[in-house]
Amino acid sequence: MKIIEVNKRVLEKNDDIASRLNQFLHDREILLVNLLGTPGSGKTTLLERILERVDIRKVAVIEGDLYTDSDAKRIENFGVRTIQLNTCGACHLEASMIQEAIHKLDLNGIEVIIIDNIGNLVCTAEFKLGEDKRIMVFSVTEGNDKPLKYPLMFQTTDILIINKMDLIRYTNFNIEDFKKDVWILNPQCHIYECSAYHNEGINDILNILFPLSE
C-alpha cells in the first residue's frame, strides 16, 4: 500500500509539471508530440521520413534512450535541433526531463517539438510529458494481442500508426481484428497504415499531423 501511495505522488507531481510545460509551449504556439512504441517498431525511421518532408528549421527533436545516442545522431544528420536524454536504465521519460531539455533548446522559429520516447508499452504510457498529441507506432510483426495485453498505451493514444505494412504478408497479423480491439479500448483513436522503410503512407500522416508540412 505504501508503494501505491508513493507512485501516486510521483504521478501527481509529474502531471503538474506536464501541465505547466504544456501551457509554456502553448503560449509560444509550439506543438509537442510524444512518439511512442516498442523497440524496433520503426519510430525513428518514421521520424526520419517525416523530417525529409518538412522545414527542419521549424522542428526540434528530443531523443529518449536508456544509454546510447545512436538515434540522436541519426536525427542530427538532418540538421535538426536535437537534445539527447539518457535515463541510464529507467524505462520511461518524465515531464521534468522534457522541461529541462526544452529549456536547453533554442526555440526561435520552432513550431513542433517531437519526443522520440523510449521503446516501451508500459511505463511510457503512464507518464504525461506535456504533449498535445500521443502518437504510437506499432509494427505488424508485434502481433494482434498487444492492445489487450497493454491496454493503457492504446487507451491513451491519439493516433496509431501501423508500420511495416510491407511485411504483413509474412505474418499472421489480422489488421481488422487488431483495429477492432483498439477501437473497443479507444473509440477516438485514429489509425493509419504505412511502411516507413519503403516511404509508403508518410504523406497521409503528415497531412493530418503536421500543418507545417502543407
Protein backbone atom coordinates (compact mmCIF):
# COMPACT_ATOMS: atom_id res chain seq x y z
CA MET A 1 0.00 0.00 0.00
CA LYS A 2 2.82 2.43 0.74
CA ILE A 3 4.30 1.76 -2.69
CA ILE A 4 1.00 2.65 -4.31
CA GLU A 5 0.91 5.93 -2.36
CA VAL A 6 4.44 6.79 -3.41
CA ASN A 7 3.64 6.06 -7.06
CA LYS A 8 0.53 8.23 -6.83
CA ARG A 9 2.55 11.17 -5.51
CA VAL A 10 5.15 10.71 -8.23
CA LEU A 11 2.50 10.74 -10.96
CA GLU A 12 0.71 13.75 -9.46
CA LYS A 13 3.94 15.75 -9.37
CA ASN A 14 4.75 14.66 -12.91
CA ASP A 15 1.28 15.65 -14.17
CA ASP A 16 1.60 19.09 -12.57
CA ILE A 17 4.92 19.72 -14.34
CA ALA A 18 3.46 18.38 -17.59
CA SER A 19 0.50 20.76 -17.36
CA ARG A 20 2.74 23.79 -16.76
CA LEU A 21 5.04 22.74 -19.60
CA ASN A 22 2.09 22.37 -21.95
CA GLN A 23 0.95 25.90 -21.11
CA PHE A 24 4.51 27.23 -21.57
CA LEU A 25 4.62 25.79 -25.10
CA HIS A 26 1.06 26.86 -25.95
CA ASP A 27 1.98 30.43 -25.05
CA ARG A 28 4.71 30.16 -27.70
CA GLU A 29 2.42 28.37 -30.19
CA ILE A 30 4.63 25.26 -30.17
CA LEU A 31 3.11 21.80 -30.63
CA LEU A 32 4.61 18.98 -28.53
CA VAL A 33 4.27 15.45 -29.92
CA ASN A 34 5.03 12.30 -27.92
CA LEU A 35 6.10 9.47 -30.26
CA LEU A 36 5.73 6.09 -28.56
CA GLY A 37 6.20 2.41 -29.38
CA THR A 38 8.27 -0.68 -28.71
CA PRO A 39 11.95 -1.11 -29.63
CA GLY A 40 12.04 -1.98 -33.32
CA SER A 41 8.57 -0.67 -34.14
CA GLY A 42 10.13 1.86 -36.51
CA LYS A 43 9.66 5.10 -34.56
CA THR A 44 12.99 6.62 -35.53
CA THR A 45 12.74 5.50 -39.15
CA LEU A 46 9.29 7.08 -39.37
CA LEU A 47 10.68 10.24 -37.79
CA GLU A 48 13.41 10.33 -40.44
CA ARG A 49 10.82 10.05 -43.21
CA ILE A 50 8.88 12.92 -41.64
CA LEU A 51 11.95 15.13 -41.35
CA GLU A 52 12.70 14.57 -45.03
CA ARG A 53 9.43 16.29 -45.87
CA VAL A 54 9.26 19.27 -43.51
CA ASP A 55 11.09 22.54 -42.93
CA ILE A 56 13.62 21.38 -40.35
CA ARG A 57 14.13 24.94 -39.13
CA LYS A 58 10.67 24.65 -37.56
CA VAL A 59 11.21 21.29 -35.85
CA ALA A 60 13.17 20.14 -32.79
CA VAL A 61 13.60 16.58 -31.53
CA ILE A 62 14.13 15.19 -28.03
CA GLU A 63 15.59 11.69 -28.21
CA GLY A 64 14.94 9.41 -25.24
CA ASP A 65 17.10 6.33 -24.75
CA LEU A 66 18.41 4.11 -21.98
CA TYR A 67 22.11 4.55 -22.69
CA THR A 68 23.15 5.28 -26.28
CA ASP A 69 22.91 8.32 -28.54
CA SER A 70 22.75 6.40 -31.82
CA ASP A 71 19.22 7.55 -32.69
CA ALA A 72 20.05 11.16 -31.84
CA LYS A 73 23.00 11.02 -34.23
CA ARG A 74 20.69 9.76 -36.99
CA ILE A 75 18.36 12.70 -36.41
CA GLU A 76 21.17 15.25 -36.16
CA ASN A 77 22.24 14.26 -39.67
CA PHE A 78 19.15 16.12 -40.89
CA GLY A 79 20.36 19.35 -39.30
CA VAL A 80 17.51 19.31 -36.80
CA ARG A 81 17.92 20.84 -33.34
CA THR A 82 18.26 17.71 -31.17
CA ILE A 83 18.59 17.01 -27.45
CA GLN A 84 19.58 13.55 -26.16
CA LEU A 85 18.06 12.26 -22.90
CA ASN A 86 19.64 9.15 -21.39
CA THR A 87 17.80 7.57 -18.46
CA CYS A 88 20.64 5.17 -17.53
CA GLY A 89 18.28 2.23 -17.39
CA ALA A 90 14.98 3.87 -16.39
CA CYS A 91 12.14 2.64 -18.58
CA HIS A 92 10.41 5.98 -19.15
CA LEU A 93 10.82 9.72 -19.55
CA GLU A 94 9.28 12.16 -17.09
CA ALA A 95 7.90 15.65 -17.57
CA SER A 96 10.77 17.19 -15.59
CA MET A 97 13.26 15.68 -18.05
CA ILE A 98 11.37 17.15 -21.01
CA GLN A 99 11.13 20.51 -19.25
CA GLU A 100 14.89 20.58 -18.73
CA ALA A 101 15.55 19.55 -22.33
CA ILE A 102 13.24 22.21 -23.73
CA HIS A 103 14.88 24.93 -21.66
CA LYS A 104 18.18 23.93 -23.29
CA LEU A 105 16.73 24.17 -26.79
CA ASP A 106 16.81 27.28 -28.94
CA LEU A 107 13.06 27.67 -29.53
CA ASN A 108 13.41 30.50 -32.02
CA GLY A 109 11.27 29.62 -35.06
CA ILE A 110 10.27 26.22 -33.66
CA GLU A 111 6.67 25.15 -34.34
CA VAL A 112 6.83 21.45 -33.45
CA ILE A 113 8.87 19.50 -30.88
CA ILE A 114 8.85 15.71 -31.26
CA ILE A 115 9.78 13.42 -28.38
CA ASP A 116 11.14 10.10 -29.66
CA ASN A 117 10.29 8.22 -26.48
CA ILE A 118 11.94 5.15 -25.00
CA GLY A 119 10.76 1.87 -26.52
CA ASN A 120 8.24 0.53 -24.02
CA LEU A 121 4.50 -0.21 -23.93
CA VAL A 122 4.04 0.02 -20.14
CA CYS A 123 5.83 2.78 -18.22
CA THR A 124 5.81 5.33 -21.03
CA ALA A 125 2.02 5.20 -21.17
CA GLU A 126 1.73 6.29 -17.52
CA PHE A 127 3.76 9.49 -17.69
CA LYS A 128 2.35 12.62 -19.30
CA LEU A 129 5.08 14.80 -20.80
CA GLY A 130 3.11 17.94 -21.58
CA GLU A 131 2.31 16.67 -25.06
CA ASP A 132 -0.56 17.82 -27.26
CA LYS A 133 -0.64 14.54 -29.18
CA ARG A 134 0.35 10.98 -28.39
CA ILE A 135 1.33 9.05 -31.49
CA MET A 136 2.03 5.35 -31.22
CA VAL A 137 4.00 3.43 -33.84
CA PHE A 138 3.14 -0.27 -33.95
CA SER A 139 4.70 -2.90 -36.20
CA VAL A 140 2.69 -5.74 -37.73
CA THR A 141 5.44 -8.10 -36.58
CA GLU A 142 4.42 -7.49 -32.95
CA GLY A 143 1.20 -9.50 -33.20
CA ASN A 144 -2.53 -8.96 -32.71
CA ASP A 145 -2.64 -9.45 -28.95
CA LYS A 146 -0.93 -6.25 -27.81
CA PRO A 147 -3.98 -3.97 -27.33
CA LEU A 148 -5.49 -6.34 -24.79
CA LYS A 149 -2.13 -7.03 -23.12
CA TYR A 150 -1.13 -3.36 -22.84
CA PRO A 151 -4.47 -1.51 -22.74
CA LEU A 152 -3.29 1.76 -21.17
CA MET A 153 -0.95 2.52 -24.08
CA PHE A 154 -3.75 2.08 -26.60
CA GLN A 155 -6.32 3.87 -24.42
CA THR A 156 -4.15 6.99 -24.18
CA THR A 157 -3.01 7.14 -27.81
CA ASP A 158 -4.47 9.82 -30.07
CA ILE A 159 -3.03 8.44 -33.30
CA LEU A 160 -1.90 4.88 -34.00
CA ILE A 161 0.36 4.21 -36.95
CA ILE A 162 0.56 0.59 -38.09
CA ASN A 163 4.05 0.31 -39.53
CA LYS A 164 5.88 -2.28 -41.63
CA MET A 165 2.80 -2.99 -43.73
CA ASP A 166 5.17 -4.36 -46.38
CA LEU A 167 5.82 -7.33 -44.07
CA ILE A 168 2.22 -8.21 -43.25
CA ARG A 169 2.14 -10.98 -45.88
CA TYR A 170 4.84 -12.81 -43.90
CA THR A 171 2.91 -12.70 -40.61
CA ASN A 172 -0.41 -13.90 -39.22
CA PHE A 173 -1.32 -10.32 -38.28
CA ASN A 174 -5.06 -9.69 -38.74
CA ILE A 175 -5.44 -5.97 -39.23
CA GLU A 176 -9.23 -5.90 -38.90
CA ASP A 177 -9.20 -7.80 -35.59
CA PHE A 178 -6.39 -5.54 -34.36
CA LYS A 179 -8.30 -2.36 -35.21
CA LYS A 180 -11.45 -3.73 -33.59
CA ASP A 181 -9.60 -4.35 -30.30
CA VAL A 182 -8.04 -0.88 -30.42
CA TRP A 183 -11.39 0.83 -31.00
CA ILE A 184 -13.02 -1.13 -28.18
CA LEU A 185 -10.38 0.37 -25.87
CA ASN A 186 -10.25 3.78 -27.52
CA PRO A 187 -13.06 4.65 -29.98
CA GLN A 188 -11.47 8.06 -30.67
CA CYS A 189 -8.13 6.66 -31.83
CA HIS A 190 -7.21 7.50 -35.44
CA ILE A 191 -5.41 4.64 -37.20
CA TYR A 192 -3.14 4.90 -40.25
CA GLU A 193 -1.06 2.37 -42.15
CA CYS A 194 2.43 2.87 -43.52
CA SER A 195 5.79 1.37 -44.35
CA ALA A 196 8.38 3.85 -43.11
CA TYR A 197 11.23 1.79 -44.59
CA HIS A 198 9.65 1.92 -48.06
CA ASN A 199 8.42 5.51 -47.71
CA GLU A 200 4.78 4.49 -48.12
CA GLY A 201 1.87 6.21 -46.40
CA ILE A 202 4.01 9.01 -44.95
CA ASN A 203 2.24 11.88 -46.69
CA ASP A 204 -1.12 10.78 -45.29
CA ILE A 205 0.34 11.01 -41.79
CA LEU A 206 1.93 14.40 -42.44
CA ASN A 207 -1.24 15.91 -43.84
CA ILE A 208 -3.07 15.11 -40.62
CA LEU A 209 -0.38 15.71 -38.01
CA PHE A 210 1.85 18.50 -39.20
CA PRO A 211 0.34 21.65 -40.67
CA LEU A 212 3.88 22.96 -41.26
CA SER A 213 4.31 20.36 -44.00
CA GLU A 214 1.45 21.75 -46.09
